[in-house]
Amino acid sequence: MPVLTIVLIIVAVVLLGGLIAFYFLGKKADKKRDEQQAQLDAMAQTVSMLVIDKKRMHLKDAGLPQAVMDAKLPWYAKASKVPVAKVKINGPGGSQIMTMIVENDIFEDLPVKKEIKATVSGLYITNFRGNHGNLQVEKKKKKGIRAWAMRKQKELKGE
């Protein structure tokens, strides 16, 4: 048998093994994500708030409570930027200013300096709607290959 054939067979076996491993790891990650989503939905509350500012920041610079930083987070999560919003929450005991983490899907649509009713689970904003009627949010068309791929993926899903 020629050496090239042996090398190609080995490469094919390694690639097949990698694909099988990624399949099972993906199923495990999906199951874990579904469990976490169920917990978020169980703890969800609707809160009226005013969004003061929003930006993507590192966790250590975001001004989140120390309990978030002390949590068991992987090193790459501490190094990555997360979408955060500084909000003024109108509660029964008065209003307070807090920094909250925003879900990636709604971060771009979140209006600044507008009052909204948000679905909140702990320090995590999962959804929002306008407090006084509809919100007119300007959608910017993103440029680049990653934005194009995300648009195509949404079209294929039928959204």
N, C-alpha and C. Protein backbone atom coordinates (compact mmCIF):
# COMPACT_ATOMS: atom_id res chain seq x y z
N MET A 1 0.84 -1.19 0.00
CA MET A 1 0.00 0.00 0.00
C MET A 1 0.88 1.25 0.00
N PRO A 2 0.55 2.20 -0.85
CA PRO A 2 1.36 3.43 -0.87
C PRO A 2 1.18 4.23 0.43
N VAL A 3 2.19 5.02 0.73
CA VAL A 3 2.19 5.82 1.96
C VAL A 3 1.06 6.85 1.94
N LEU A 4 0.78 7.43 0.80
CA LEU A 4 -0.28 8.44 0.68
C LEU A 4 -1.64 7.86 1.06
N THR A 5 -1.93 6.65 0.65
CA THR A 5 -3.20 6.00 0.97
C THR A 5 -3.31 5.77 2.47
N ILE A 6 -2.26 5.33 3.10
CA ILE A 6 -2.26 5.10 4.54
C ILE A 6 -2.49 6.41 5.29
N VAL A 7 -1.83 7.46 4.87
CA VAL A 7 -1.99 8.77 5.51
C VAL A 7 -3.43 9.27 5.35
N LEU A 8 -4.00 9.11 4.17
CA LEU A 8 -5.38 9.56 3.93
C LEU A 8 -6.37 8.75 4.76
N ILE A 9 -6.14 7.46 4.92
CA ILE A 9 -7.03 6.64 5.75
C ILE A 9 -6.95 7.09 7.21
N ILE A 10 -5.76 7.34 7.69
CA ILE A 10 -5.58 7.79 9.08
C ILE A 10 -6.26 9.14 9.30
N VAL A 11 -6.09 10.05 8.37
CA VAL A 11 -6.72 11.38 8.48
C VAL A 11 -8.25 11.24 8.47
N ALA A 12 -8.78 10.37 7.61
CA ALA A 12 -10.22 10.17 7.55
C ALA A 12 -10.75 9.59 8.85
N VAL A 13 -10.04 8.63 9.44
CA VAL A 13 -10.47 8.03 10.70
C VAL A 13 -10.44 9.07 11.82
N VAL A 14 -9.41 9.89 11.87
CA VAL A 14 -9.31 10.93 12.90
C VAL A 14 -10.44 11.95 12.74
N LEU A 15 -10.72 12.36 11.52
CA LEU A 15 -11.81 13.31 11.28
C LEU A 15 -13.16 12.71 11.66
N LEU A 16 -13.37 11.45 11.33
CA LEU A 16 -14.62 10.79 11.69
C LEU A 16 -14.76 10.70 13.21
N GLY A 17 -13.68 10.37 13.89
CA GLY A 17 -13.71 10.33 15.36
C GLY A 17 -14.01 11.69 15.96
N GLY A 18 -13.42 12.74 15.37
CA GLY A 18 -13.69 14.11 15.84
C GLY A 18 -15.14 14.50 15.65
N LEU A 19 -15.71 14.16 14.51
CA LEU A 19 -17.12 14.48 14.24
C LEU A 19 -18.04 13.76 15.22
N ILE A 20 -17.76 12.51 15.50
CA ILE A 20 -18.58 11.76 16.46
C ILE A 20 -18.48 12.37 17.85
N ALA A 21 -17.26 12.75 18.25
CA ALA A 21 -17.06 13.37 19.57
C ALA A 21 -17.82 14.70 19.65
N PHE A 22 -17.74 15.53 18.61
CA PHE A 22 -18.45 16.81 18.61
C PHE A 22 -19.96 16.62 18.64
N TYR A 23 -20.46 15.57 18.00
CA TYR A 23 -21.90 15.29 18.02
C TYR A 23 -22.37 15.05 19.45
N PHE A 24 -21.67 14.17 20.17
CA PHE A 24 -22.10 13.86 21.53
C PHE A 24 -21.87 15.02 22.48
N LEU A 25 -20.80 15.77 22.30
CA LEU A 25 -20.57 16.96 23.13
C LEU A 25 -21.65 18.01 22.88
N GLY A 26 -22.07 18.15 21.62
CA GLY A 26 -23.13 19.10 21.29
C GLY A 26 -24.46 18.72 21.91
N LYS A 27 -24.79 17.43 21.90
CA LYS A 27 -26.03 16.98 22.53
C LYS A 27 -26.00 17.25 24.02
N LYS A 28 -24.85 17.03 24.64
CA LYS A 28 -24.71 17.27 26.09
C LYS A 28 -24.85 18.77 26.39
N ALA A 29 -24.25 19.61 25.55
CA ALA A 29 -24.33 21.06 25.75
C ALA A 29 -25.77 21.56 25.56
N ASP A 30 -26.49 21.00 24.57
CA ASP A 30 -27.89 21.38 24.36
C ASP A 30 -28.75 21.03 25.56
N LYS A 31 -28.52 19.86 26.12
CA LYS A 31 -29.29 19.44 27.29
C LYS A 31 -29.02 20.36 28.47
N LYS A 32 -27.76 20.74 28.66
CA LYS A 32 -27.39 21.64 29.76
C LYS A 32 -28.01 23.02 29.55
N ARG A 33 -27.99 23.51 28.29
CA ARG A 33 -28.57 24.82 27.99
C ARG A 33 -30.08 24.82 28.24
N ASP A 34 -30.76 23.73 27.88
CA ASP A 34 -32.20 23.64 28.12
C ASP A 34 -32.52 23.67 29.61
N GLU A 35 -31.71 23.00 30.43
CA GLU A 35 -31.92 23.02 31.88
C GLU A 35 -31.73 24.43 32.43
N GLN A 36 -30.69 25.12 31.96
CA GLN A 36 -30.44 26.48 32.43
C GLN A 36 -31.56 27.43 31.99
N GLN A 37 -32.06 27.24 30.77
CA GLN A 37 -33.15 28.09 30.28
C GLN A 37 -34.41 27.87 31.11
N ALA A 38 -34.66 26.63 31.52
CA ALA A 38 -35.82 26.34 32.36
C ALA A 38 -35.69 27.04 33.71
N GLN A 39 -34.48 27.07 34.27
CA GLN A 39 -34.26 27.77 35.54
C GLN A 39 -34.47 29.27 35.37
N LEU A 40 -33.99 29.84 34.27
CA LEU A 40 -34.18 31.27 34.03
C LEU A 40 -35.66 31.60 33.89
N ASP A 41 -36.40 30.76 33.18
CA ASP A 41 -37.83 31.00 33.00
C ASP A 41 -38.59 30.90 34.31
N ALA A 42 -38.16 30.00 35.19
CA ALA A 42 -38.84 29.84 36.47
C ALA A 42 -38.63 31.04 37.38
N MET A 43 -37.50 31.71 37.27
CA MET A 43 -37.17 32.84 38.14
C MET A 43 -37.53 34.19 37.51
N ALA A 44 -38.12 34.20 36.34
CA ALA A 44 -38.37 35.44 35.61
C ALA A 44 -39.41 36.32 36.29
N GLN A 45 -39.14 37.64 36.29
CA GLN A 45 -40.07 38.65 36.80
C GLN A 45 -40.12 39.79 35.80
N THR A 46 -41.23 40.49 35.77
CA THR A 46 -41.34 41.66 34.91
C THR A 46 -41.13 42.90 35.75
N VAL A 47 -40.20 43.75 35.31
CA VAL A 47 -39.80 44.93 36.08
C VAL A 47 -39.80 46.14 35.15
N SER A 48 -40.25 47.27 35.66
CA SER A 48 -40.19 48.52 34.92
C SER A 48 -38.85 49.18 35.20
N MET A 49 -38.16 49.60 34.14
CA MET A 49 -36.82 50.19 34.32
C MET A 49 -36.52 51.20 33.23
N LEU A 50 -35.57 52.05 33.54
CA LEU A 50 -35.06 53.04 32.60
C LEU A 50 -33.64 52.64 32.25
N VAL A 51 -33.36 52.44 30.97
CA VAL A 51 -32.02 52.06 30.53
C VAL A 51 -31.19 53.33 30.40
N ILE A 52 -30.13 53.41 31.20
CA ILE A 52 -29.27 54.60 31.19
C ILE A 52 -28.18 54.47 30.13
N ASP A 53 -27.54 53.30 30.11
CA ASP A 53 -26.42 53.09 29.19
C ASP A 53 -26.28 51.61 28.91
N LYS A 54 -25.72 51.28 27.76
CA LYS A 54 -25.43 49.88 27.44
C LYS A 54 -24.11 49.82 26.68
N LYS A 55 -23.36 48.75 26.95
CA LYS A 55 -22.10 48.53 26.24
C LYS A 55 -21.61 47.12 26.50
N ARG A 56 -20.63 46.71 25.75
CA ARG A 56 -19.98 45.41 25.95
C ARG A 56 -18.71 45.65 26.76
N MET A 57 -18.59 44.92 27.87
CA MET A 57 -17.46 45.12 28.77
C MET A 57 -16.97 43.77 29.29
N HIS A 58 -15.72 43.78 29.78
CA HIS A 58 -15.21 42.61 30.49
C HIS A 58 -15.95 42.50 31.82
N LEU A 59 -16.11 41.28 32.32
CA LEU A 59 -16.83 41.07 33.57
C LEU A 59 -16.20 41.84 34.72
N LYS A 60 -14.87 41.88 34.77
CA LYS A 60 -14.21 42.55 35.89
C LYS A 60 -14.39 44.06 35.85
N ASP A 61 -14.65 44.63 34.69
CA ASP A 61 -14.82 46.08 34.55
C ASP A 61 -16.29 46.51 34.57
N ALA A 62 -17.20 45.55 34.57
CA ALA A 62 -18.62 45.87 34.41
C ALA A 62 -19.26 46.43 35.67
N GLY A 63 -18.67 46.23 36.82
CA GLY A 63 -19.26 46.74 38.05
C GLY A 63 -20.35 45.83 38.59
N LEU A 64 -20.27 44.56 38.28
CA LEU A 64 -21.23 43.59 38.79
C LEU A 64 -20.88 43.24 40.23
N PRO A 65 -21.83 42.69 40.99
CA PRO A 65 -21.55 42.33 42.38
C PRO A 65 -20.39 41.33 42.49
N GLN A 66 -19.75 41.33 43.65
CA GLN A 66 -18.60 40.47 43.88
C GLN A 66 -18.97 38.99 43.78
N ALA A 67 -20.21 38.64 44.08
CA ALA A 67 -20.65 37.24 44.00
C ALA A 67 -20.54 36.72 42.57
N VAL A 68 -20.73 37.58 41.58
CA VAL A 68 -20.61 37.17 40.19
C VAL A 68 -19.15 36.86 39.88
N MET A 69 -18.25 37.68 40.38
CA MET A 69 -16.83 37.47 40.12
C MET A 69 -16.30 36.26 40.88
N ASP A 70 -16.87 35.96 42.05
CA ASP A 70 -16.42 34.83 42.85
C ASP A 70 -17.01 33.52 42.35
N ALA A 71 -17.99 33.58 41.46
CA ALA A 71 -18.62 32.37 40.95
C ALA A 71 -17.61 31.54 40.17
N LYS A 72 -17.91 30.27 40.04
CA LYS A 72 -17.03 29.35 39.34
C LYS A 72 -17.17 29.58 37.84
N LEU A 73 -16.37 30.47 37.30
CA LEU A 73 -16.40 30.78 35.88
C LEU A 73 -15.12 30.29 35.23
N PRO A 74 -15.20 29.79 34.00
CA PRO A 74 -13.96 29.43 33.31
C PRO A 74 -13.15 30.67 32.97
N TRP A 75 -11.86 30.49 32.75
CA TRP A 75 -10.96 31.62 32.51
C TRP A 75 -11.37 32.41 31.26
N TYR A 76 -11.86 31.72 30.23
CA TYR A 76 -12.22 32.42 29.00
C TYR A 76 -13.48 33.26 29.19
N ALA A 77 -14.36 32.88 30.13
CA ALA A 77 -15.57 33.67 30.39
C ALA A 77 -15.19 34.98 31.09
N LYS A 78 -14.19 34.92 31.95
CA LYS A 78 -13.76 36.13 32.64
C LYS A 78 -13.05 37.08 31.67
N ALA A 79 -12.42 36.53 30.65
CA ALA A 79 -11.67 37.36 29.70
C ALA A 79 -12.55 37.91 28.58
N SER A 80 -13.72 37.31 28.33
CA SER A 80 -14.55 37.75 27.22
C SER A 80 -15.41 38.95 27.61
N LYS A 81 -15.86 39.66 26.60
CA LYS A 81 -16.73 40.81 26.83
C LYS A 81 -18.19 40.35 26.83
N VAL A 82 -18.97 40.89 27.75
CA VAL A 82 -20.39 40.56 27.86
C VAL A 82 -21.21 41.82 27.68
N PRO A 83 -22.43 41.70 27.13
CA PRO A 83 -23.29 42.88 27.00
C PRO A 83 -23.90 43.24 28.36
N VAL A 84 -23.66 44.47 28.81
CA VAL A 84 -24.20 44.93 30.08
C VAL A 84 -24.96 46.23 29.86
N ALA A 85 -25.91 46.48 30.74
CA ALA A 85 -26.69 47.72 30.69
C ALA A 85 -26.78 48.28 32.10
N LYS A 86 -26.61 49.58 32.20
CA LYS A 86 -26.82 50.27 33.47
C LYS A 86 -28.26 50.76 33.45
N VAL A 87 -29.03 50.31 34.45
CA VAL A 87 -30.46 50.61 34.46
C VAL A 87 -30.88 51.19 35.80
N LYS A 88 -31.96 51.95 35.77
CA LYS A 88 -32.58 52.49 36.98
C LYS A 88 -33.90 51.74 37.14
N ILE A 89 -33.97 50.93 38.19
CA ILE A 89 -35.14 50.09 38.41
C ILE A 89 -36.10 50.82 39.34
N ASN A 90 -37.35 50.90 38.92
CA ASN A 90 -38.40 51.51 39.73
C ASN A 90 -39.09 50.41 40.52
N GLY A 91 -38.79 50.34 41.80
CA GLY A 91 -39.38 49.30 42.64
C GLY A 91 -40.25 49.89 43.73
N PRO A 92 -40.86 49.03 44.54
CA PRO A 92 -41.73 49.51 45.62
C PRO A 92 -40.95 50.26 46.70
N GLY A 93 -39.68 49.95 46.90
CA GLY A 93 -38.89 50.62 47.92
C GLY A 93 -38.15 51.83 47.38
N GLY A 94 -38.51 52.29 46.23
CA GLY A 94 -37.82 53.41 45.59
C GLY A 94 -37.04 52.91 44.39
N SER A 95 -36.29 53.80 43.78
CA SER A 95 -35.53 53.42 42.59
C SER A 95 -34.06 53.22 42.95
N GLN A 96 -33.42 52.32 42.21
CA GLN A 96 -32.00 52.08 42.42
C GLN A 96 -31.33 51.83 41.08
N ILE A 97 -30.07 52.20 40.99
CA ILE A 97 -29.31 52.04 39.77
C ILE A 97 -28.50 50.75 39.88
N MET A 98 -28.62 49.89 38.87
CA MET A 98 -27.93 48.60 38.86
C MET A 98 -27.29 48.36 37.51
N THR A 99 -26.28 47.51 37.51
CA THR A 99 -25.69 47.02 36.28
C THR A 99 -26.19 45.60 36.06
N MET A 100 -26.75 45.34 34.88
CA MET A 100 -27.32 44.04 34.59
C MET A 100 -26.74 43.49 33.29
N ILE A 101 -26.68 42.17 33.21
CA ILE A 101 -26.22 41.50 32.00
C ILE A 101 -27.42 41.33 31.07
N VAL A 102 -27.22 41.58 29.78
CA VAL A 102 -28.29 41.52 28.79
C VAL A 102 -28.06 40.31 27.88
N GLU A 103 -29.12 39.65 27.48
CA GLU A 103 -29.01 38.54 26.54
C GLU A 103 -28.50 39.06 25.20
N ASN A 104 -27.63 38.30 24.55
CA ASN A 104 -27.02 38.72 23.30
C ASN A 104 -28.04 39.03 22.21
N ASP A 105 -29.11 38.25 22.15
CA ASP A 105 -30.10 38.41 21.08
C ASP A 105 -30.82 39.75 21.13
N ILE A 106 -30.99 40.31 22.31
CA ILE A 106 -31.77 41.55 22.43
C ILE A 106 -30.90 42.77 22.70
N PHE A 107 -29.59 42.59 22.81
CA PHE A 107 -28.71 43.70 23.19
C PHE A 107 -28.77 44.84 22.18
N GLU A 108 -28.71 44.52 20.90
CA GLU A 108 -28.70 45.56 19.86
C GLU A 108 -30.02 46.34 19.83
N ASP A 109 -31.13 45.68 20.17
CA ASP A 109 -32.45 46.32 20.10
C ASP A 109 -32.79 47.10 21.36
N LEU A 110 -32.05 46.90 22.43
CA LEU A 110 -32.34 47.56 23.71
C LEU A 110 -32.18 49.07 23.56
N PRO A 111 -33.25 49.84 23.80
CA PRO A 111 -33.16 51.29 23.62
C PRO A 111 -32.47 51.95 24.82
N VAL A 112 -31.72 52.99 24.55
CA VAL A 112 -31.03 53.74 25.60
C VAL A 112 -31.85 54.98 25.92
N LYS A 113 -31.91 55.32 27.21
CA LYS A 113 -32.65 56.47 27.71
C LYS A 113 -34.14 56.39 27.41
N LYS A 114 -34.66 55.17 27.50
CA LYS A 114 -36.09 54.92 27.34
C LYS A 114 -36.55 54.04 28.48
N GLU A 115 -37.81 54.20 28.87
CA GLU A 115 -38.37 53.36 29.91
C GLU A 115 -38.97 52.12 29.28
N ILE A 116 -38.64 50.97 29.84
CA ILE A 116 -39.10 49.70 29.30
C ILE A 116 -39.63 48.81 30.42
N LYS A 117 -40.37 47.80 30.04
CA LYS A 117 -40.75 46.72 30.95
C LYS A 117 -39.92 45.53 30.50
N ALA A 118 -39.04 45.06 31.39
CA ALA A 118 -38.12 43.98 31.05
C ALA A 118 -38.43 42.74 31.86
N THR A 119 -38.20 41.59 31.23
CA THR A 119 -38.28 40.33 31.94
C THR A 119 -36.89 40.05 32.48
N VAL A 120 -36.79 39.98 33.81
CA VAL A 120 -35.51 39.88 34.49
C VAL A 120 -35.46 38.59 35.28
N SER A 121 -34.33 37.93 35.22
CA SER A 121 -34.09 36.73 36.03
C SER A 121 -32.77 36.95 36.75
N GLY A 122 -32.84 37.39 38.00
CA GLY A 122 -31.63 37.72 38.75
C GLY A 122 -31.02 39.00 38.21
N LEU A 123 -29.78 38.93 37.73
CA LEU A 123 -29.10 40.08 37.13
C LEU A 123 -29.09 39.98 35.61
N TYR A 124 -30.00 39.22 35.05
CA TYR A 124 -29.98 38.90 33.63
C TYR A 124 -31.27 39.36 32.97
N ILE A 125 -31.17 40.27 32.00
CA ILE A 125 -32.33 40.75 31.24
C ILE A 125 -32.53 39.81 30.06
N THR A 126 -33.69 39.15 30.02
CA THR A 126 -33.92 38.17 28.97
C THR A 126 -34.84 38.67 27.87
N ASN A 127 -35.69 39.65 28.16
CA ASN A 127 -36.62 40.15 27.16
C ASN A 127 -37.10 41.53 27.60
N PHE A 128 -37.67 42.31 26.68
CA PHE A 128 -38.21 43.62 27.03
C PHE A 128 -39.30 44.01 26.06
N ARG A 129 -40.10 44.98 26.49
CA ARG A 129 -41.09 45.61 25.61
C ARG A 129 -41.24 47.06 26.07
N GLY A 130 -41.83 47.88 25.23
CA GLY A 130 -41.99 49.28 25.57
C GLY A 130 -42.96 49.48 26.71
N ASN A 131 -42.65 50.41 27.59
CA ASN A 131 -43.52 50.70 28.73
C ASN A 131 -44.72 51.52 28.29
N HIS A 132 -44.52 52.42 27.39
CA HIS A 132 -45.58 53.31 26.92
C HIS A 132 -45.74 53.14 25.41
N GLY A 133 -46.35 52.06 25.01
CA GLY A 133 -46.56 51.82 23.59
C GLY A 133 -45.37 51.14 22.95
N ASN A 134 -45.33 51.21 21.63
CA ASN A 134 -44.27 50.53 20.89
C ASN A 134 -42.99 51.35 20.91
N LEU A 135 -41.89 50.66 20.88
CA LEU A 135 -40.58 51.31 20.81
C LEU A 135 -40.15 51.38 19.36
N GLN A 136 -39.68 52.51 18.95
CA GLN A 136 -39.14 52.67 17.61
C GLN A 136 -37.63 52.56 17.71
N VAL A 137 -37.12 51.41 17.38
CA VAL A 137 -35.68 51.16 17.48
C VAL A 137 -35.11 51.10 16.07
N GLU A 138 -34.04 51.86 15.85
CA GLU A 138 -33.39 51.85 14.56
C GLU A 138 -32.50 50.62 14.48
N LYS A 139 -32.70 49.82 13.44
CA LYS A 139 -31.87 48.64 13.26
C LYS A 139 -30.77 49.00 12.28
N LYS A 140 -29.53 48.83 12.75
CA LYS A 140 -28.40 49.05 11.87
C LYS A 140 -28.06 47.75 11.18
N LYS A 141 -27.77 47.84 9.90
CA LYS A 141 -27.39 46.64 9.18
C LYS A 141 -25.90 46.42 9.40
N LYS A 142 -25.59 45.27 9.99
CA LYS A 142 -24.20 44.96 10.29
C LYS A 142 -23.47 44.56 9.02
N LYS A 143 -22.18 44.84 9.00
CA LYS A 143 -21.36 44.49 7.85
C LYS A 143 -20.43 43.35 8.24
N GLY A 144 -19.96 42.66 7.27
CA GLY A 144 -18.98 41.61 7.52
C GLY A 144 -19.53 40.23 7.23
N ILE A 145 -18.63 39.28 7.17
CA ILE A 145 -19.00 37.92 6.82
C ILE A 145 -19.75 37.23 7.95
N ARG A 146 -19.40 37.55 9.19
CA ARG A 146 -20.10 36.93 10.33
C ARG A 146 -21.56 37.41 10.38
N ALA A 147 -21.78 38.69 10.16
CA ALA A 147 -23.14 39.22 10.15
C ALA A 147 -23.94 38.62 9.00
N TRP A 148 -23.30 38.45 7.85
CA TRP A 148 -23.96 37.83 6.71
C TRP A 148 -24.37 36.40 7.04
N ALA A 149 -23.47 35.65 7.69
CA ALA A 149 -23.76 34.27 8.05
C ALA A 149 -24.91 34.19 9.06
N MET A 150 -24.95 35.11 10.01
CA MET A 150 -26.03 35.12 11.00
C MET A 150 -27.37 35.44 10.32
N ARG A 151 -27.38 36.39 9.36
CA ARG A 151 -28.61 36.71 8.64
C ARG A 151 -29.10 35.50 7.84
N LYS A 152 -28.18 34.81 7.18
CA LYS A 152 -28.54 33.63 6.40
C LYS A 152 -29.09 32.53 7.30
N GLN A 153 -28.49 32.37 8.48
CA GLN A 153 -28.95 31.35 9.42
C GLN A 153 -30.37 31.65 9.88
N LYS A 154 -30.67 32.92 10.17
CA LYS A 154 -32.02 33.30 10.57
C LYS A 154 -33.02 33.10 9.45
N GLU A 155 -32.61 33.38 8.19
CA GLU A 155 -33.50 33.16 7.06
C GLU A 155 -33.82 31.68 6.90
N LEU A 156 -32.82 30.84 7.09
CA LEU A 156 -33.05 29.40 6.94
C LEU A 156 -33.95 28.85 8.03
N LYS A 157 -33.87 29.43 9.22
CA LYS A 157 -34.74 29.01 10.32
C LYS A 157 -36.16 29.49 10.11
N GLY A 158 -36.33 30.50 9.27
CA GLY A 158 -37.67 31.00 8.97
C GLY A 158 -38.10 32.13 9.87
N GLU A 159 -37.17 32.87 10.45
CA GLU A 159 -37.52 33.98 11.34
C GLU A 159 -37.73 35.24 10.57
